[in-house]
Amino acid sequence: MTRLVLAIAAAVWLLMWLAGEALAQACLPIADVEAVLHGRYGESPRFQGLTEGLSAIWQAWLNEATGTWTIVVLRPDGSACPVIAGQMGALVEPIPAGEEG
């Protein structure tokens, strides 16, 4: 289980780094990105959190029925930057406190 936790931590770090890189790339108004993710892909935001330094909001969108998912960074200027997207996404059950997997 420790390896899984380390792998997840590494993946989150990589996504945060990619999010920083994406801030200067293909960004659109938040409403436009939300319309595409929800309207075309049926995705809804399932998680969000502030980035270190409180400079942006990081969101994970998911369509539980189809498994499509997208990571989006919301910037203070009102733009949204899709960072990465994929398929076969699913919600996972949290590990109860005090247990290792």
N, C-alpha and C. Protein backbone atom coordinates (compact mmCIF):
# COMPACT_ATOMS: atom_id res chain seq x y z
N MET A 1 0.82 -1.19 0.00
CA MET A 1 0.00 0.00 0.00
C MET A 1 0.86 1.25 0.00
N THR A 2 2.02 1.18 0.65
CA THR A 2 2.91 2.33 0.70
C THR A 2 3.34 2.74 -0.71
N ARG A 3 3.58 1.74 -1.56
CA ARG A 3 3.96 2.05 -2.95
C ARG A 3 2.82 2.76 -3.68
N LEU A 4 1.58 2.35 -3.42
CA LEU A 4 0.44 2.99 -4.06
C LEU A 4 0.33 4.44 -3.61
N VAL A 5 0.50 4.69 -2.33
CA VAL A 5 0.44 6.06 -1.81
C VAL A 5 1.54 6.91 -2.44
N LEU A 6 2.75 6.36 -2.54
CA LEU A 6 3.84 7.09 -3.16
C LEU A 6 3.57 7.36 -4.64
N ALA A 7 3.00 6.39 -5.32
CA ALA A 7 2.66 6.57 -6.74
C ALA A 7 1.61 7.65 -6.91
N ILE A 8 0.61 7.66 -6.04
CA ILE A 8 -0.43 8.69 -6.10
C ILE A 8 0.18 10.06 -5.81
N ALA A 9 1.03 10.14 -4.80
CA ALA A 9 1.68 11.41 -4.47
C ALA A 9 2.52 11.92 -5.65
N ALA A 10 3.24 11.02 -6.30
CA ALA A 10 4.05 11.41 -7.46
C ALA A 10 3.15 11.89 -8.60
N ALA A 11 2.03 11.22 -8.81
CA ALA A 11 1.11 11.61 -9.87
C ALA A 11 0.51 12.99 -9.59
N VAL A 12 0.15 13.23 -8.33
CA VAL A 12 -0.40 14.55 -7.97
C VAL A 12 0.65 15.62 -8.18
N TRP A 13 1.90 15.36 -7.76
CA TRP A 13 2.97 16.32 -7.97
C TRP A 13 3.13 16.62 -9.46
N LEU A 14 3.13 15.57 -10.29
CA LEU A 14 3.27 15.75 -11.73
C LEU A 14 2.12 16.58 -12.28
N LEU A 15 0.91 16.28 -11.86
CA LEU A 15 -0.23 17.05 -12.34
C LEU A 15 -0.14 18.51 -11.92
N MET A 16 0.33 18.77 -10.71
CA MET A 16 0.48 20.15 -10.27
C MET A 16 1.54 20.86 -11.10
N TRP A 17 2.63 20.17 -11.42
CA TRP A 17 3.65 20.76 -12.27
C TRP A 17 3.08 21.05 -13.66
N LEU A 18 2.35 20.07 -14.20
CA LEU A 18 1.73 20.28 -15.51
C LEU A 18 0.73 21.41 -15.46
N ALA A 19 0.02 21.53 -14.34
CA ALA A 19 -0.95 22.63 -14.20
C ALA A 19 -0.24 23.96 -14.30
N GLY A 20 0.91 24.06 -13.68
CA GLY A 20 1.68 25.30 -13.77
C GLY A 20 2.09 25.59 -15.20
N GLU A 21 2.50 24.56 -15.92
CA GLU A 21 2.87 24.73 -17.32
C GLU A 21 1.66 25.13 -18.16
N ALA A 22 0.51 24.62 -17.81
CA ALA A 22 -0.69 24.89 -18.59
C ALA A 22 -1.20 26.30 -18.41
N LEU A 23 -0.78 26.97 -17.35
CA LEU A 23 -1.29 28.31 -17.09
C LEU A 23 -0.96 29.27 -18.24
N ALA A 24 0.05 28.97 -18.99
CA ALA A 24 0.41 29.84 -20.10
C ALA A 24 -0.07 29.28 -21.44
N GLN A 25 -0.86 28.23 -21.41
CA GLN A 25 -1.27 27.58 -22.65
C GLN A 25 -2.76 27.78 -22.91
N ALA A 26 -3.39 26.86 -23.62
CA ALA A 26 -4.76 26.95 -24.11
C ALA A 26 -5.78 27.17 -23.00
N CYS A 27 -6.02 28.41 -22.67
CA CYS A 27 -7.00 28.76 -21.65
C CYS A 27 -8.15 29.51 -22.30
N LEU A 28 -9.33 29.28 -21.79
CA LEU A 28 -10.56 29.91 -22.29
C LEU A 28 -11.34 30.43 -21.10
N PRO A 29 -12.37 31.25 -21.34
CA PRO A 29 -13.22 31.66 -20.22
C PRO A 29 -13.79 30.43 -19.50
N ILE A 30 -13.88 30.53 -18.18
CA ILE A 30 -14.35 29.41 -17.38
C ILE A 30 -15.69 28.88 -17.89
N ALA A 31 -16.63 29.75 -18.20
CA ALA A 31 -17.96 29.31 -18.66
C ALA A 31 -17.87 28.49 -19.93
N ASP A 32 -16.94 28.85 -20.83
CA ASP A 32 -16.79 28.09 -22.08
C ASP A 32 -16.26 26.68 -21.82
N VAL A 33 -15.27 26.57 -20.95
CA VAL A 33 -14.71 25.25 -20.63
C VAL A 33 -15.76 24.40 -19.92
N GLU A 34 -16.47 24.99 -18.96
CA GLU A 34 -17.51 24.25 -18.25
C GLU A 34 -18.60 23.77 -19.21
N ALA A 35 -18.98 24.60 -20.16
CA ALA A 35 -20.02 24.22 -21.12
C ALA A 35 -19.61 23.02 -21.96
N VAL A 36 -18.34 22.98 -22.36
CA VAL A 36 -17.86 21.84 -23.16
C VAL A 36 -17.79 20.59 -22.29
N LEU A 37 -17.18 20.70 -21.11
CA LEU A 37 -17.02 19.52 -20.26
C LEU A 37 -18.37 18.94 -19.85
N HIS A 38 -19.29 19.80 -19.49
CA HIS A 38 -20.60 19.30 -19.05
C HIS A 38 -21.50 18.96 -20.23
N GLY A 39 -21.54 19.84 -21.23
CA GLY A 39 -22.43 19.64 -22.37
C GLY A 39 -22.02 18.54 -23.31
N ARG A 40 -20.76 18.50 -23.68
CA ARG A 40 -20.28 17.52 -24.66
C ARG A 40 -19.89 16.19 -24.01
N TYR A 41 -19.26 16.27 -22.84
CA TYR A 41 -18.73 15.04 -22.22
C TYR A 41 -19.52 14.57 -21.01
N GLY A 42 -20.49 15.36 -20.56
CA GLY A 42 -21.30 14.97 -19.42
C GLY A 42 -20.53 14.92 -18.11
N GLU A 43 -19.40 15.64 -18.06
CA GLU A 43 -18.57 15.63 -16.86
C GLU A 43 -19.03 16.70 -15.88
N SER A 44 -18.78 16.45 -14.61
CA SER A 44 -19.08 17.39 -13.53
C SER A 44 -17.86 17.47 -12.63
N PRO A 45 -17.65 18.62 -11.98
CA PRO A 45 -16.52 18.70 -11.07
C PRO A 45 -16.73 17.78 -9.88
N ARG A 46 -15.70 17.01 -9.54
CA ARG A 46 -15.79 16.05 -8.43
C ARG A 46 -14.83 16.38 -7.30
N PHE A 47 -13.85 17.23 -7.57
CA PHE A 47 -12.87 17.63 -6.56
C PHE A 47 -12.30 18.97 -6.96
N GLN A 48 -11.99 19.80 -5.99
CA GLN A 48 -11.24 21.01 -6.27
C GLN A 48 -10.43 21.41 -5.06
N GLY A 49 -9.37 22.13 -5.30
CA GLY A 49 -8.52 22.61 -4.22
C GLY A 49 -7.65 23.75 -4.71
N LEU A 50 -7.20 24.56 -3.77
CA LEU A 50 -6.32 25.67 -4.10
C LEU A 50 -4.90 25.17 -4.31
N THR A 51 -4.23 25.73 -5.29
CA THR A 51 -2.83 25.39 -5.51
C THR A 51 -1.98 26.05 -4.44
N GLU A 52 -0.77 25.57 -4.29
CA GLU A 52 0.15 26.18 -3.34
C GLU A 52 0.35 27.63 -3.72
N GLY A 53 0.34 28.51 -2.77
CA GLY A 53 0.45 29.93 -3.05
C GLY A 53 -0.89 30.58 -3.35
N LEU A 54 -1.95 29.79 -3.33
CA LEU A 54 -3.33 30.27 -3.56
C LEU A 54 -3.48 31.02 -4.87
N SER A 55 -2.73 30.60 -5.89
CA SER A 55 -2.75 31.32 -7.16
C SER A 55 -3.78 30.79 -8.16
N ALA A 56 -4.34 29.61 -7.91
CA ALA A 56 -5.31 29.03 -8.85
C ALA A 56 -6.09 27.93 -8.14
N ILE A 57 -7.19 27.53 -8.75
CA ILE A 57 -7.98 26.40 -8.26
C ILE A 57 -7.80 25.24 -9.22
N TRP A 58 -7.53 24.08 -8.70
CA TRP A 58 -7.34 22.85 -9.46
C TRP A 58 -8.61 22.04 -9.33
N GLN A 59 -9.19 21.61 -10.46
CA GLN A 59 -10.42 20.83 -10.43
C GLN A 59 -10.25 19.51 -11.18
N ALA A 60 -10.92 18.48 -10.68
CA ALA A 60 -11.01 17.20 -11.37
C ALA A 60 -12.47 17.00 -11.76
N TRP A 61 -12.73 16.86 -13.05
CA TRP A 61 -14.08 16.63 -13.59
C TRP A 61 -14.19 15.17 -13.99
N LEU A 62 -15.38 14.58 -13.84
CA LEU A 62 -15.57 13.17 -14.15
C LEU A 62 -16.99 12.90 -14.63
N ASN A 63 -17.11 12.05 -15.63
CA ASN A 63 -18.40 11.48 -16.02
C ASN A 63 -18.36 10.04 -15.53
N GLU A 64 -19.09 9.75 -14.45
CA GLU A 64 -19.05 8.41 -13.85
C GLU A 64 -19.59 7.34 -14.80
N ALA A 65 -20.53 7.70 -15.66
CA ALA A 65 -21.14 6.71 -16.56
C ALA A 65 -20.18 6.28 -17.67
N THR A 66 -19.47 7.25 -18.27
CA THR A 66 -18.59 6.92 -19.39
C THR A 66 -17.13 6.78 -18.99
N GLY A 67 -16.75 7.34 -17.84
CA GLY A 67 -15.37 7.26 -17.38
C GLY A 67 -14.47 8.36 -17.91
N THR A 68 -15.01 9.31 -18.70
CA THR A 68 -14.13 10.40 -19.16
C THR A 68 -13.84 11.33 -17.99
N TRP A 69 -12.63 11.89 -17.98
CA TRP A 69 -12.23 12.81 -16.92
C TRP A 69 -11.31 13.89 -17.48
N THR A 70 -11.28 15.03 -16.79
CA THR A 70 -10.46 16.16 -17.20
C THR A 70 -9.95 16.88 -15.96
N ILE A 71 -8.70 17.29 -15.99
CA ILE A 71 -8.12 18.12 -14.95
C ILE A 71 -8.06 19.55 -15.50
N VAL A 72 -8.59 20.50 -14.74
CA VAL A 72 -8.68 21.89 -15.17
C VAL A 72 -8.10 22.79 -14.09
N VAL A 73 -7.38 23.85 -14.51
CA VAL A 73 -6.90 24.87 -13.59
C VAL A 73 -7.70 26.14 -13.85
N LEU A 74 -8.34 26.66 -12.79
CA LEU A 74 -9.08 27.92 -12.88
C LEU A 74 -8.18 29.04 -12.38
N ARG A 75 -8.01 30.06 -13.20
CA ARG A 75 -7.12 31.16 -12.87
C ARG A 75 -7.89 32.36 -12.34
N PRO A 76 -7.24 33.21 -11.57
CA PRO A 76 -7.91 34.39 -11.02
C PRO A 76 -8.44 35.36 -12.09
N ASP A 77 -7.90 35.30 -13.30
CA ASP A 77 -8.36 36.21 -14.35
C ASP A 77 -9.66 35.74 -15.01
N GLY A 78 -10.25 34.64 -14.50
CA GLY A 78 -11.52 34.15 -15.04
C GLY A 78 -11.37 33.13 -16.16
N SER A 79 -10.16 32.69 -16.40
CA SER A 79 -9.95 31.69 -17.45
C SER A 79 -9.77 30.31 -16.83
N ALA A 80 -10.03 29.29 -17.65
CA ALA A 80 -9.87 27.89 -17.25
C ALA A 80 -8.92 27.24 -18.25
N CYS A 81 -8.00 26.44 -17.73
CA CYS A 81 -6.99 25.80 -18.56
C CYS A 81 -7.07 24.28 -18.39
N PRO A 82 -7.63 23.56 -19.37
CA PRO A 82 -7.61 22.10 -19.29
C PRO A 82 -6.15 21.63 -19.34
N VAL A 83 -5.77 20.78 -18.41
CA VAL A 83 -4.39 20.34 -18.30
C VAL A 83 -4.19 18.97 -18.93
N ILE A 84 -5.08 18.05 -18.60
CA ILE A 84 -4.96 16.68 -19.10
C ILE A 84 -6.35 16.05 -19.03
N ALA A 85 -6.61 15.08 -19.88
CA ALA A 85 -7.90 14.39 -19.90
C ALA A 85 -7.67 12.93 -20.25
N GLY A 86 -8.66 12.10 -19.94
CA GLY A 86 -8.50 10.69 -20.24
C GLY A 86 -9.80 9.93 -20.14
N GLN A 87 -9.68 8.62 -20.12
CA GLN A 87 -10.83 7.72 -20.08
C GLN A 87 -10.66 6.73 -18.94
N MET A 88 -11.69 5.97 -18.69
CA MET A 88 -11.71 4.92 -17.68
C MET A 88 -11.51 5.46 -16.27
N GLY A 89 -11.99 6.69 -16.03
CA GLY A 89 -11.92 7.28 -14.70
C GLY A 89 -13.03 6.71 -13.82
N ALA A 90 -12.77 6.65 -12.53
CA ALA A 90 -13.76 6.16 -11.58
C ALA A 90 -13.46 6.74 -10.21
N LEU A 91 -14.48 6.94 -9.43
CA LEU A 91 -14.29 7.35 -8.05
C LEU A 91 -13.73 6.17 -7.27
N VAL A 92 -12.88 6.45 -6.32
CA VAL A 92 -12.32 5.38 -5.49
C VAL A 92 -12.78 5.57 -4.06
N GLU A 93 -12.88 4.45 -3.37
CA GLU A 93 -13.30 4.49 -1.97
C GLU A 93 -12.13 4.98 -1.12
N PRO A 94 -12.38 5.87 -0.18
CA PRO A 94 -11.29 6.32 0.69
C PRO A 94 -10.81 5.18 1.59
N ILE A 95 -9.56 5.24 1.95
CA ILE A 95 -9.00 4.27 2.88
C ILE A 95 -9.33 4.74 4.29
N PRO A 96 -9.98 3.90 5.09
CA PRO A 96 -10.31 4.31 6.45
C PRO A 96 -9.05 4.69 7.23
N ALA A 97 -9.17 5.69 8.08
CA ALA A 97 -8.04 6.15 8.88
C ALA A 97 -7.45 5.00 9.68
N GLY A 98 -6.16 4.93 9.72
CA GLY A 98 -5.47 3.91 10.49
C GLY A 98 -5.26 2.59 9.76
N GLU A 99 -5.70 2.49 8.52
CA GLU A 99 -5.55 1.24 7.76
C GLU A 99 -4.55 1.45 6.63
N GLU A 100 -3.84 0.40 6.31
CA GLU A 100 -2.98 0.39 5.12
C GLU A 100 -3.57 -0.60 4.14
N GLY A 101 -3.38 -0.33 2.84
CA GLY A 101 -3.98 -1.19 1.83
C GLY A 101 -3.11 -2.23 1.29
